[in-house]
Amino acid sequence: MAGVYKLEIKESEAELKQLLGAQTTAVGKERVQLLYLLKTGQAATVQRAAQLLGRHRVTVQE
C-alpha cells in the first residue's frame, strides 16, 4: 500500500522516557518524544504525532 510508513520501535516505554530526560538539545528531545508518543499509543499514526508536536508529517517522518 503506497504511503504507509512502517516503524518498529525497539526501545521500551521506560527506556524512551529515560532517553527523553537525557536529551540536551531540542532536536534530540523532539525525536525521542515522537517515538514515545507512538510507543505509548498517545498517537496512533505519524500524522497524529506530527500534529501533537506541531510539525508537518513529512518533517517528522524524515
PDB file of N, CA and C in Angstrom:
ATOM      1  N   MET A   1       0.844  -1.170   0.000  1.00  0.00           N
ATOM      2  CA  MET A   1       0.000   0.000   0.000  1.00  0.00           C
ATOM      3  C   MET A   1       0.891   1.235   0.000  1.00  0.00           C
ATOM      4  N   ALA A   2       0.696   2.125  -0.916  1.00  0.00           N
ATOM      5  CA  ALA A   2       1.512   3.318  -1.044  1.00  0.00           C
ATOM      6  C   ALA A   2       1.203   4.295   0.081  1.00  0.00           C
ATOM      7  N   GLY A   3       2.239   4.937   0.587  1.00  0.00           N
ATOM      8  CA  GLY A   3       2.058   5.961   1.598  1.00  0.00           C
ATOM      9  C   GLY A   3       1.984   5.446   3.029  1.00  0.00           C
ATOM     10  N   VAL A   4       2.060   4.158   3.239  1.00  0.00           N
ATOM     11  CA  VAL A   4       2.013   3.615   4.586  1.00  0.00           C
ATOM     12  C   VAL A   4       3.448   3.454   5.070  1.00  0.00           C
ATOM     13  N   TYR A   5       3.717   4.015   6.232  1.00  0.00           N
ATOM     14  CA  TYR A   5       5.063   4.011   6.780  1.00  0.00           C
ATOM     15  C   TYR A   5       5.122   3.020   7.934  1.00  0.00           C
ATOM     16  N   LYS A   6       5.991   2.042   7.831  1.00  0.00           N
ATOM     17  CA  LYS A   6       6.153   1.028   8.876  1.00  0.00           C
ATOM     18  C   LYS A   6       7.327   1.426   9.762  1.00  0.00           C
ATOM     19  N   LEU A   7       7.083   1.459  11.063  1.00  0.00           N
ATOM     20  CA  LEU A   7       8.117   1.836  12.005  1.00  0.00           C
ATOM     21  C   LEU A   7       8.071   0.890  13.188  1.00  0.00           C
ATOM     22  N   GLU A   8       9.178   0.209  13.446  1.00  0.00           N
ATOM     23  CA  GLU A   8       9.264  -0.681  14.591  1.00  0.00           C
ATOM     24  C   GLU A   8      10.128  -0.005  15.646  1.00  0.00           C
ATOM     25  N   ILE A   9       9.532   0.263  16.805  1.00  0.00           N
ATOM     26  CA  ILE A   9      10.248   0.907  17.889  1.00  0.00           C
ATOM     27  C   ILE A   9      10.702  -0.184  18.850  1.00  0.00           C
ATOM     28  N   LYS A  10      12.005  -0.391  18.917  1.00  0.00           N
ATOM     29  CA  LYS A  10      12.554  -1.494  19.702  1.00  0.00           C
ATOM     30  C   LYS A  10      12.699  -1.154  21.179  1.00  0.00           C
ATOM     31  N   GLU A  11      12.838   0.127  21.507  1.00  0.00           N
ATOM     32  CA  GLU A  11      13.017   0.549  22.889  1.00  0.00           C
ATOM     33  C   GLU A  11      11.696   0.440  23.644  1.00  0.00           C
ATOM     34  N   SER A  12      11.781   0.164  24.944  1.00  0.00           N
ATOM     35  CA  SER A  12      10.582   0.105  25.775  1.00  0.00           C
ATOM     36  C   SER A  12      10.157   1.531  26.143  1.00  0.00           C
ATOM     37  N   GLU A  13       8.949   1.641  26.699  1.00  0.00           N
ATOM     38  CA  GLU A  13       8.463   2.949  27.135  1.00  0.00           C
ATOM     39  C   GLU A  13       9.388   3.544  28.191  1.00  0.00           C
ATOM     40  N   ALA A  14       9.850   2.708  29.109  1.00  0.00           N
ATOM     41  CA  ALA A  14      10.738   3.178  30.172  1.00  0.00           C
ATOM     42  C   ALA A  14      12.066   3.677  29.609  1.00  0.00           C
ATOM     43  N   GLU A  15      12.612   2.957  28.634  1.00  0.00           N
ATOM     44  CA  GLU A  15      13.866   3.376  28.008  1.00  0.00           C
ATOM     45  C   GLU A  15      13.694   4.708  27.285  1.00  0.00           C
ATOM     46  N   LEU A  16      12.575   4.858  26.589  1.00  0.00           N
ATOM     47  CA  LEU A  16      12.326   6.103  25.867  1.00  0.00           C
ATOM     48  C   LEU A  16      12.152   7.270  26.832  1.00  0.00           C
ATOM     49  N   LYS A  17      11.473   7.028  27.951  1.00  0.00           N
ATOM     50  CA  LYS A  17      11.288   8.084  28.947  1.00  0.00           C
ATOM     51  C   LYS A  17      12.632   8.508  29.528  1.00  0.00           C
ATOM     52  N   GLN A  18      13.501   7.535  29.763  1.00  0.00           N
ATOM     53  CA  GLN A  18      14.837   7.835  30.277  1.00  0.00           C
ATOM     54  C   GLN A  18      15.643   8.614  29.230  1.00  0.00           C
ATOM     55  N   LEU A  19      15.561   8.196  27.982  1.00  0.00           N
ATOM     56  CA  LEU A  19      16.267   8.902  26.906  1.00  0.00           C
ATOM     57  C   LEU A  19      15.752  10.328  26.743  1.00  0.00           C
ATOM     58  N   LEU A  20      14.452  10.494  26.928  1.00  0.00           N
ATOM     59  CA  LEU A  20      13.844  11.818  26.795  1.00  0.00           C
ATOM     60  C   LEU A  20      14.436  12.782  27.818  1.00  0.00           C
ATOM     61  N   GLY A  21      14.608  12.307  29.031  1.00  0.00           N
ATOM     62  CA  GLY A  21      15.193  13.147  30.072  1.00  0.00           C
ATOM     63  C   GLY A  21      16.666  13.426  29.875  1.00  0.00           C
ATOM     64  N   ALA A  22      17.346  12.575  29.134  1.00  0.00           N
ATOM     65  CA  ALA A  22      18.788  12.729  28.930  1.00  0.00           C
ATOM     66  C   ALA A  22      19.139  13.638  27.753  1.00  0.00           C
ATOM     67  N   GLN A  23      18.157  14.011  26.952  1.00  0.00           N
ATOM     68  CA  GLN A  23      18.439  14.823  25.775  1.00  0.00           C
ATOM     69  C   GLN A  23      18.822  16.238  26.167  1.00  0.00           C
ATOM     70  N   THR A  24      19.813  16.793  25.480  1.00  0.00           N
ATOM     71  CA  THR A  24      20.295  18.141  25.791  1.00  0.00           C
ATOM     72  C   THR A  24      19.913  19.153  24.722  1.00  0.00           C
ATOM     73  N   THR A  25      19.469  18.665  23.570  1.00  0.00           N
ATOM     74  CA  THR A  25      19.079  19.587  22.507  1.00  0.00           C
ATOM     75  C   THR A  25      17.592  19.444  22.212  1.00  0.00           C
ATOM     76  N   ALA A  26      17.001  20.499  21.683  1.00  0.00           N
ATOM     77  CA  ALA A  26      15.582  20.479  21.348  1.00  0.00           C
ATOM     78  C   ALA A  26      15.296  19.466  20.245  1.00  0.00           C
ATOM     79  N   VAL A  27      16.200  19.357  19.285  1.00  0.00           N
ATOM     80  CA  VAL A  27      16.019  18.413  18.181  1.00  0.00           C
ATOM     81  C   VAL A  27      16.019  16.980  18.695  1.00  0.00           C
ATOM     82  N   GLY A  28      16.956  16.661  19.555  1.00  0.00           N
ATOM     83  CA  GLY A  28      17.027  15.323  20.123  1.00  0.00           C
ATOM     84  C   GLY A  28      15.806  14.997  20.957  1.00  0.00           C
ATOM     85  N   LYS A  29      15.363  15.956  21.741  1.00  0.00           N
ATOM     86  CA  LYS A  29      14.188  15.747  22.588  1.00  0.00           C
ATOM     87  C   LYS A  29      12.950  15.504  21.735  1.00  0.00           C
ATOM     88  N   GLU A  30      12.803  16.274  20.656  1.00  0.00           N
ATOM     89  CA  GLU A  30      11.649  16.114  19.778  1.00  0.00           C
ATOM     90  C   GLU A  30      11.640  14.751  19.096  1.00  0.00           C
ATOM     91  N   ARG A  31      12.787  14.258  18.713  1.00  0.00           N
ATOM     92  CA  ARG A  31      12.882  12.947  18.064  1.00  0.00           C
ATOM     93  C   ARG A  31      12.478  11.820  19.010  1.00  0.00           C
ATOM     94  N   VAL A  32      12.981  11.890  20.234  1.00  0.00           N
ATOM     95  CA  VAL A  32      12.638  10.861  21.216  1.00  0.00           C
ATOM     96  C   VAL A  32      11.166  10.987  21.611  1.00  0.00           C
ATOM     97  N   GLN A  33      10.684  12.225  21.712  1.00  0.00           N
ATOM     98  CA  GLN A  33       9.287  12.439  22.060  1.00  0.00           C
ATOM     99  C   GLN A  33       8.357  11.834  21.011  1.00  0.00           C
ATOM    100  N   LEU A  34       8.725  11.922  19.756  1.00  0.00           N
ATOM    101  CA  LEU A  34       7.944  11.313  18.679  1.00  0.00           C
ATOM    102  C   LEU A  34       7.851   9.809  18.892  1.00  0.00           C
ATOM    103  N   LEU A  35       8.968   9.177  19.161  1.00  0.00           N
ATOM    104  CA  LEU A  35       8.969   7.733  19.398  1.00  0.00           C
ATOM    105  C   LEU A  35       8.145   7.373  20.619  1.00  0.00           C
ATOM    106  N   TYR A  36       8.241   8.194  21.666  1.00  0.00           N
ATOM    107  CA  TYR A  36       7.493   7.945  22.896  1.00  0.00           C
ATOM    108  C   TYR A  36       5.979   8.042  22.643  1.00  0.00           C
ATOM    109  N   LEU A  37       5.554   9.045  21.893  1.00  0.00           N
ATOM    110  CA  LEU A  37       4.133   9.204  21.574  1.00  0.00           C
ATOM    111  C   LEU A  37       3.596   7.997  20.814  1.00  0.00           C
ATOM    112  N   LEU A  38       4.380   7.509  19.871  1.00  0.00           N
ATOM    113  CA  LEU A  38       3.952   6.351  19.088  1.00  0.00           C
ATOM    114  C   LEU A  38       3.955   5.079  19.932  1.00  0.00           C
ATOM    115  N   LYS A  39       4.991   4.894  20.745  1.00  0.00           N
ATOM    116  CA  LYS A  39       5.118   3.683  21.548  1.00  0.00           C
ATOM    117  C   LYS A  39       4.015   3.573  22.605  1.00  0.00           C
ATOM    118  N   THR A  40       3.658   4.713  23.225  1.00  0.00           N
ATOM    119  CA  THR A  40       2.665   4.698  24.289  1.00  0.00           C
ATOM    120  C   THR A  40       1.237   4.702  23.771  1.00  0.00           C
ATOM    121  N   GLY A  41       1.070   4.909  22.469  1.00  0.00           N
ATOM    122  CA  GLY A  41      -0.278   4.916  21.902  1.00  0.00           C
ATOM    123  C   GLY A  41      -0.972   6.262  21.998  1.00  0.00           C
ATOM    124  N   GLN A  42      -0.269   7.283  22.473  1.00  0.00           N
ATOM    125  CA  GLN A  42      -0.847   8.620  22.536  1.00  0.00           C
ATOM    126  C   GLN A  42      -1.093   9.166  21.131  1.00  0.00           C
ATOM    127  N   ALA A  43      -0.339   8.652  20.176  1.00  0.00           N
ATOM    128  CA  ALA A  43      -0.528   8.984  18.768  1.00  0.00           C
ATOM    129  C   ALA A  43      -0.511   7.658  18.004  1.00  0.00           C
ATOM    130  N   ALA A  44      -1.606   7.387  17.303  1.00  0.00           N
ATOM    131  CA  ALA A  44      -1.712   6.118  16.586  1.00  0.00           C
ATOM    132  C   ALA A  44      -0.974   6.147  15.253  1.00  0.00           C
ATOM    133  N   THR A  45      -0.774   7.331  14.707  1.00  0.00           N
ATOM    134  CA  THR A  45      -0.122   7.457  13.409  1.00  0.00           C
ATOM    135  C   THR A  45       0.965   8.517  13.465  1.00  0.00           C
ATOM    136  N   VAL A  46       1.842   8.486  12.478  1.00  0.00           N
ATOM    137  CA  VAL A  46       2.885   9.506  12.366  1.00  0.00           C
ATOM    138  C   VAL A  46       2.237  10.868  12.149  1.00  0.00           C
ATOM    139  N   GLN A  47       1.159  10.901  11.391  1.00  0.00           N
ATOM    140  CA  GLN A  47       0.469  12.162  11.125  1.00  0.00           C
ATOM    141  C   GLN A  47      -0.073  12.766  12.422  1.00  0.00           C
ATOM    142  N   ARG A  48      -0.661  11.948  13.276  1.00  0.00           N
ATOM    143  CA  ARG A  48      -1.195  12.440  14.548  1.00  0.00           C
ATOM    144  C   ARG A  48      -0.058  12.899  15.460  1.00  0.00           C
ATOM    145  N   ALA A  49       1.037  12.170  15.483  1.00  0.00           N
ATOM    146  CA  ALA A  49       2.193  12.566  16.289  1.00  0.00           C
ATOM    147  C   ALA A  49       2.740  13.909  15.801  1.00  0.00           C
ATOM    148  N   ALA A  50       2.779  14.097  14.497  1.00  0.00           N
ATOM    149  CA  ALA A  50       3.249  15.361  13.930  1.00  0.00           C
ATOM    150  C   ALA A  50       2.350  16.514  14.375  1.00  0.00           C
ATOM    151  N   GLN A  51       1.046  16.281  14.393  1.00  0.00           N
ATOM    152  CA  GLN A  51       0.116  17.314  14.851  1.00  0.00           C
ATOM    153  C   GLN A  51       0.379  17.665  16.309  1.00  0.00           C
ATOM    154  N   LEU A  52       0.594  16.662  17.139  1.00  0.00           N
ATOM    155  CA  LEU A  52       0.861  16.898  18.555  1.00  0.00           C
ATOM    156  C   LEU A  52       2.161  17.667  18.773  1.00  0.00           C
ATOM    157  N   LEU A  53       3.150  17.413  17.904  1.00  0.00           N
ATOM    158  CA  LEU A  53       4.442  18.084  18.017  1.00  0.00           C
ATOM    159  C   LEU A  53       4.474  19.431  17.309  1.00  0.00           C
ATOM    160  N   GLY A  54       3.446  19.717  16.524  1.00  0.00           N
ATOM    161  CA  GLY A  54       3.401  20.987  15.804  1.00  0.00           C
ATOM    162  C   GLY A  54       4.309  21.024  14.599  1.00  0.00           C
ATOM    163  N   ARG A  55       4.518  19.871  13.993  1.00  0.00           N
ATOM    164  CA  ARG A  55       5.369  19.758  12.808  1.00  0.00           C
ATOM    165  C   ARG A  55       4.582  19.163  11.655  1.00  0.00           C
ATOM    166  N   HIS A  56       5.108  19.295  10.454  1.00  0.00           N
ATOM    167  CA  HIS A  56       4.499  18.678   9.285  1.00  0.00           C
ATOM    168  C   HIS A  56       4.835  17.197   9.283  1.00  0.00           C
ATOM    169  N   ARG A  57       3.945  16.376   8.757  1.00  0.00           N
ATOM    170  CA  ARG A  57       4.145  14.934   8.740  1.00  0.00           C
ATOM    171  C   ARG A  57       5.440  14.549   8.039  1.00  0.00           C
ATOM    172  N   VAL A  58       5.755  15.179   6.942  1.00  0.00           N
ATOM    173  CA  VAL A  58       6.961  14.838   6.184  1.00  0.00           C
ATOM    174  C   VAL A  58       8.213  15.145   7.016  1.00  0.00           C
ATOM    175  N   THR A  59       8.199  16.254   7.729  1.00  0.00           N
ATOM    176  CA  THR A  59       9.340  16.628   8.572  1.00  0.00           C
ATOM    177  C   THR A  59       9.561  15.571   9.650  1.00  0.00           C
ATOM    178  N   VAL A  60       8.493  15.141  10.273  1.00  0.00           N
ATOM    179  CA  VAL A  60       8.578  14.149  11.335  1.00  0.00           C
ATOM    180  C   VAL A  60       9.000  12.785  10.779  1.00  0.00           C
ATOM    181  N   GLN A  61       8.478  12.431   9.630  1.00  0.00           N
ATOM    182  CA  GLN A  61       8.753  11.132   9.045  1.00  0.00           C
ATOM    183  C   GLN A  61      10.197  10.997   8.619  1.00  0.00           C
ATOM    184  N   GLU A  62      10.825  12.088   8.220  1.00  0.00           N
ATOM    185  CA  GLU A  62      12.234  12.042   7.810  1.00  0.00           C
ATOM    186  C   GLU A  62      13.096  11.768   9.001  1.00  0.00           C
TER     187      GLU A  62
END
